[in-house]
Every structure is written in structure tokens, then in C-alpha cells.
Amino acid sequence: MTHFVLVAGAWLGSWAWDEVVPELRAAGHGAHAVTLSGLAERQGVAAGQQTHVADVVEVVERLDLRDVVLVGHSYAGIPVGQAAERIGDRLARVVFVDSEVPAHGASMASAWWQGQAAFEAALAENDGFWVPLTAPEFEGQGLTDGQIARIVGGATPQPGATLTEPAELARPLGELPATYIKCLLDGAEPNDAVATLLKSEHWRLVTMDTGHWPMFSQPRELARILLDAAATRT
């Protein structure tokens, strides 16, 4: 029995996995969706990036989970990638869903396409938070109007320190057994950091013909890919 620990990206909570969790459980596995500190029902809890790493590790250890597949979507790939090496032999695989990946000493802000200063300025303008996208910004991502409304309605501001604190890795990320899911409507190719990691014999690439939020746009297809990834051993 595999235990999936599911972590959604910026602005989202455990509710983002509501259509994926039943599919995984129906296949006979455990599925544990996580809300990170400072988000959704945990708004108001102080959080930095290492807080989010600890959130993921805490769920695995508190529930005494084994044969764990950690799943990180978007921003959450950064804390999930760090948590993966910290849970030791409990880990079966880590799955990055169209996500960022951690680099030791770097943060999401430091790799921002407009530069770290621009990203930090945007946080400062919003009391230290990263504000959620508006409905028009989800266009072209394979989402229905109803799905967009659901995401926008449930999104909460992201604590800025989760985006500016540096990652801490004890060993190269390419040594971990990993699957990277690239959502093609959000760009045909993985970014350079991911492309380098995919050269590792331990990493696998899977593509989805949808946008950046497949847990909403294609939840059954995403669940199938997660189940396939859990069955992969490298």
C-alpha cells in the first residue's frame, strides 16, 4: 500500500486535491492532502519555506507513513523536494507536478524570471504576501469557467518568506527517485533546472496535455499518472 502525500502550489490548500484523493483511495492506497502553514484554513500561521518543509515531514512522521510518494505541485515542489530527502527510507518516490524544484541556497524569488528584486518589490507592495492570480490570468490553461471560479474563490495570499528563504539540500536532487510531470499548455519544455535533473537515471518525464493546474482540469488523468509513478522503481 502506497501513501500519497499531496501538496498543492501557491495560494492553495488541501482542498485542491478533492477530486484526486478519491481516485487514489479507490485504487487501494492512502492519500493525504496537506495544507501548508499560512494558507487556506491555516491562514495567520507564520510561515517561511523551512516551515513548509517541516509541515510535509510532520505529516509523514505523525501518521507513521511508509512507502511514501510525495507529490509537489508548482511552488510546493520546492519544500517537497527538500522533505523527500529528510524522510529517509520512508520515501518511495517524489513526483513534481509542473513544479519548481529546490536548489541549495536558492529560493523561488531568486529564480524569478523578472529578477529577485522585482519579486520582492511585489511582495512589499502587498504587506509581504504574494497575491493570488485573478480569473483572466487562468485563461489558456485548459480550465472551465467553473474550475477557474473554484480556484480563485479558494485561493489565499501566500506568505512571502516561503518564497524568499533559501532551500537546504544535503545531497543532489538528481539522486532521488523522481517523476516530473510537464503540463504542456504551460510550456512545451521543462525549465533548464528540471532539464538538467532529467538527465539523471533516477528521474522520469511524463507529459499532460493540459495546463498548470491538472488537479482541477484533469484529476482522473493526474491520479492515473501518480499511480503509475508509484509503481515505478529505479
Protein backbone atom coordinates (compact mmCIF):
# COMPACT_ATOMS: atom_id res chain seq x y z
CA MET A 1 0.00 0.00 0.00
CA THR A 2 1.44 3.31 -1.12
CA HIS A 3 0.75 6.51 0.79
CA PHE A 4 0.49 9.62 -1.37
CA VAL A 5 1.20 12.92 0.39
CA LEU A 6 -0.16 15.68 -1.81
CA VAL A 7 0.90 19.33 -1.59
CA ALA A 8 -0.59 22.00 -3.86
CA GLY A 9 1.20 25.10 -5.04
CA ALA A 10 0.99 28.76 -4.08
CA TRP A 11 -2.29 30.10 -2.68
CA LEU A 12 -3.91 26.67 -2.40
CA GLY A 13 -4.74 24.25 0.42
CA SER A 14 -5.55 20.57 0.75
CA TRP A 15 -8.93 21.23 -0.90
CA ALA A 16 -7.17 21.47 -4.26
CA TRP A 17 -6.84 17.67 -4.29
CA ASP A 18 -10.51 16.89 -3.61
CA GLU A 19 -11.01 15.20 -6.99
CA VAL A 20 -7.70 13.34 -6.96
CA VAL A 21 -7.78 11.83 -3.46
CA PRO A 22 -10.83 9.59 -4.10
CA GLU A 23 -9.21 8.16 -7.23
CA LEU A 24 -6.08 7.17 -5.31
CA ARG A 25 -8.06 5.67 -2.43
CA ALA A 26 -10.28 3.73 -4.82
CA ALA A 27 -7.11 2.08 -6.12
CA GLY A 28 -6.36 0.87 -2.60
CA HIS A 29 -3.81 3.42 -1.50
CA GLY A 30 -3.57 6.06 1.20
CA ALA A 31 -3.94 9.69 0.15
CA HIS A 32 -3.13 12.56 2.47
CA ALA A 33 -3.64 16.11 1.19
CA VAL A 34 -1.69 18.75 3.11
CA THR A 35 -2.47 22.40 3.79
CA LEU A 36 0.77 24.27 4.37
CA SER A 37 1.16 26.81 7.17
CA GLY A 38 -0.24 30.26 6.40
CA LEU A 39 -2.66 29.09 3.71
CA ALA A 40 -6.35 28.18 3.42
CA GLU A 41 -7.68 27.08 6.83
CA ARG A 42 -4.20 27.73 8.28
CA GLN A 43 -4.14 31.43 7.40
CA GLY A 44 -2.48 33.55 10.05
CA VAL A 45 0.14 30.94 10.94
CA ALA A 46 3.61 32.41 10.47
CA ALA A 47 5.48 30.53 7.77
CA GLY A 48 8.75 30.50 5.86
CA GLN A 49 10.00 27.98 3.36
CA GLN A 50 11.52 25.74 6.02
CA THR A 51 8.20 25.81 7.88
CA HIS A 52 6.63 24.26 4.79
CA VAL A 53 9.33 21.60 4.59
CA ALA A 54 8.62 20.77 8.23
CA ASP A 55 4.86 20.66 7.53
CA VAL A 56 5.37 17.88 4.98
CA VAL A 57 7.80 15.90 7.12
CA GLU A 58 5.47 16.21 10.12
CA VAL A 59 2.56 14.59 8.28
CA VAL A 60 4.71 11.63 7.22
CA GLU A 61 6.14 11.12 10.71
CA ARG A 62 2.96 11.77 12.69
CA LEU A 63 0.99 9.25 10.64
CA ASP A 64 3.99 6.89 10.55
CA LEU A 65 3.68 6.53 6.79
CA ARG A 66 5.82 4.12 4.78
CA ASP A 67 6.19 3.60 1.03
CA VAL A 68 5.53 7.32 0.62
CA VAL A 69 5.09 9.12 -2.69
CA LEU A 70 5.48 12.85 -2.06
CA VAL A 71 3.67 14.99 -4.63
CA GLY A 72 4.50 18.68 -5.03
CA HIS A 73 2.67 20.98 -7.43
CA SER A 74 4.08 24.31 -8.67
CA TYR A 75 5.72 26.20 -5.75
CA ALA A 76 5.28 23.16 -3.49
CA GLY A 77 7.93 21.28 -5.44
CA ILE A 78 10.47 23.36 -3.52
CA PRO A 79 9.52 22.25 0.02
CA VAL A 80 8.51 18.76 -1.15
CA GLY A 81 11.89 18.22 -2.81
CA GLN A 82 13.60 19.06 0.47
CA ALA A 83 11.21 16.95 2.54
CA ALA A 84 11.85 13.98 0.25
CA GLU A 85 15.45 13.63 1.38
CA ARG A 86 14.52 14.18 5.04
CA ILE A 87 12.09 11.28 5.37
CA GLY A 88 14.79 8.74 4.57
CA ASP A 89 13.73 5.21 3.70
CA ARG A 90 10.06 6.10 4.07
CA LEU A 91 10.27 7.61 0.58
CA ALA A 92 9.29 5.53 -2.43
CA ARG A 93 9.25 8.35 -4.97
CA VAL A 94 8.75 12.09 -5.33
CA VAL A 95 6.51 13.48 -8.06
CA PHE A 96 6.86 17.08 -9.21
CA VAL A 97 3.67 18.33 -10.90
CA ASP A 98 4.66 21.12 -13.32
CA SER A 99 6.62 22.46 -10.39
CA GLU A 100 9.63 24.39 -9.33
CA VAL A 101 12.48 22.32 -7.91
CA PRO A 102 14.73 23.27 -5.00
CA ALA A 103 18.34 24.28 -5.48
CA HIS A 104 20.57 24.53 -2.43
CA GLY A 105 20.91 28.15 -1.30
CA ALA A 106 18.32 29.41 -3.79
CA SER A 107 14.67 30.39 -3.45
CA MET A 108 11.72 30.79 -5.77
CA ALA A 109 12.30 34.54 -5.70
CA SER A 110 15.97 34.21 -6.67
CA ALA A 111 14.98 32.31 -9.83
CA TRP A 112 12.08 34.60 -10.73
CA TRP A 113 12.00 35.43 -14.44
CA GLN A 114 11.84 39.20 -13.75
CA GLY A 115 14.59 39.02 -11.13
CA GLN A 116 14.52 38.71 -7.35
CA ALA A 117 14.28 42.47 -6.76
CA ALA A 118 11.09 42.72 -8.81
CA PHE A 119 9.56 39.77 -7.00
CA GLU A 120 10.43 41.14 -3.56
CA ALA A 121 9.07 44.56 -4.54
CA ALA A 122 5.74 42.95 -5.43
CA LEU A 123 5.67 41.25 -2.02
CA ALA A 124 6.43 44.52 -0.25
CA GLU A 125 3.54 46.22 -2.03
CA ASN A 126 1.19 43.62 -0.57
CA ASP A 127 2.27 43.57 3.07
CA GLY A 128 4.72 40.73 2.49
CA PHE A 129 2.30 38.41 0.70
CA TRP A 130 2.09 37.08 -2.85
CA VAL A 131 -1.44 37.79 -4.02
CA PRO A 132 -3.36 35.10 -5.95
CA LEU A 133 -3.98 35.32 -9.67
CA THR A 134 -7.20 36.80 -10.97
CA ALA A 135 -9.61 34.86 -13.17
CA PRO A 136 -8.35 36.22 -16.53
CA GLU A 137 -4.82 35.03 -15.69
CA PHE A 138 -6.00 31.40 -15.75
CA GLU A 139 -7.10 31.58 -19.39
CA GLY A 140 -5.43 29.18 -21.80
CA GLN A 141 -4.77 26.59 -19.09
CA GLY A 142 -7.44 24.06 -20.03
CA LEU A 143 -9.79 25.09 -17.23
CA THR A 144 -13.53 25.62 -17.40
CA ASP A 145 -15.07 28.82 -16.08
CA GLY A 146 -16.34 26.84 -13.11
CA GLN A 147 -12.91 25.43 -12.34
CA ILE A 148 -11.36 28.88 -12.54
CA ALA A 149 -14.01 30.26 -10.21
CA ARG A 150 -13.29 27.47 -7.75
CA ILE A 151 -9.56 28.16 -7.71
CA VAL A 152 -9.97 31.94 -7.43
CA GLY A 153 -12.64 31.57 -4.73
CA GLY A 154 -10.49 29.31 -2.57
CA ALA A 155 -7.09 30.94 -3.06
CA THR A 156 -5.44 32.80 -0.19
CA PRO A 157 -2.35 35.07 -0.20
CA GLN A 158 1.00 33.26 0.06
CA PRO A 159 3.37 34.31 2.91
CA GLY A 160 6.36 35.96 1.28
CA ALA A 161 9.02 34.26 3.39
CA THR A 162 8.05 30.92 1.85
CA LEU A 163 9.21 32.34 -1.46
CA THR A 164 12.37 34.18 -0.39
CA GLU A 165 14.02 31.81 2.10
CA PRO A 166 16.74 29.59 0.57
CA ALA A 167 16.39 25.85 0.09
CA GLU A 168 18.57 23.47 2.10
CA LEU A 169 19.62 20.25 0.41
CA ALA A 170 22.05 17.74 1.88
CA ARG A 171 22.64 15.88 -1.41
CA PRO A 172 21.99 16.33 -5.12
CA LEU A 173 18.30 16.24 -6.00
CA GLY A 174 19.05 14.04 -9.00
CA GLU A 175 19.83 11.15 -6.63
CA LEU A 176 16.20 10.92 -5.53
CA PRO A 177 13.75 8.65 -7.40
CA ALA A 178 11.52 11.17 -9.14
CA THR A 179 8.89 11.71 -11.79
CA TYR A 180 8.41 15.14 -13.34
CA ILE A 181 5.01 15.89 -14.87
CA LYS A 182 5.17 18.63 -17.52
CA CYS A 183 1.84 20.27 -18.35
CA LEU A 184 2.14 21.26 -21.98
CA LEU A 185 -0.29 24.19 -22.04
CA ASP A 186 2.03 25.90 -19.57
CA GLY A 187 5.05 25.49 -21.85
CA ALA A 188 6.25 22.66 -24.04
CA GLU A 189 9.59 22.11 -22.30
CA PRO A 190 10.74 21.85 -18.67
CA ASN A 191 12.88 24.73 -17.43
CA ASP A 192 16.66 24.43 -17.52
CA ALA A 193 16.99 23.23 -13.92
CA VAL A 194 14.48 20.44 -14.49
CA ALA A 195 16.00 19.52 -17.86
CA THR A 196 19.35 19.01 -16.14
CA LEU A 197 17.79 16.82 -13.43
CA LEU A 198 16.01 14.73 -16.06
CA LYS A 199 19.41 13.55 -17.27
CA SER A 200 19.64 11.51 -14.07
CA GLU A 201 18.89 7.79 -14.37
CA HIS A 202 16.59 8.19 -11.36
CA TRP A 203 14.25 10.72 -12.98
CA ARG A 204 11.38 10.18 -15.41
CA LEU A 205 9.45 12.69 -17.52
CA VAL A 206 5.69 12.43 -18.15
CA THR A 207 3.64 14.98 -20.09
CA MET A 208 0.00 16.02 -19.76
CA ASP A 209 -1.95 17.83 -22.46
CA THR A 210 -3.39 20.37 -20.06
CA GLY A 211 -2.42 23.47 -18.11
CA HIS A 212 -0.66 24.22 -14.86
CA TRP A 213 -3.47 23.07 -12.57
CA PRO A 214 -4.17 19.44 -13.62
CA MET A 215 -5.76 18.51 -10.28
CA PHE A 216 -8.66 20.68 -11.46
CA SER A 217 -8.54 20.29 -15.25
CA GLN A 218 -7.71 16.55 -15.47
CA PRO A 219 -7.92 15.00 -11.98
CA ARG A 220 -8.51 11.41 -13.13
CA GLU A 221 -5.66 11.53 -15.61
CA LEU A 222 -3.39 13.01 -12.96
CA ALA A 223 -4.36 10.29 -10.48
CA ARG A 224 -3.55 7.63 -13.09
CA ILE A 225 -0.11 9.13 -13.66
CA LEU A 226 0.52 9.25 -9.90
CA LEU A 227 -0.44 5.59 -9.60
CA ASP A 228 1.90 4.71 -12.47
CA ALA A 229 4.69 6.71 -10.84
CA ALA A 230 4.20 4.85 -7.56
CA ALA A 231 4.67 1.57 -9.43
CA THR A 232 7.99 2.77 -10.90
CA ARG A 233 11.14 1.68 -9.15
CA THR A 234 14.60 2.92 -10.14
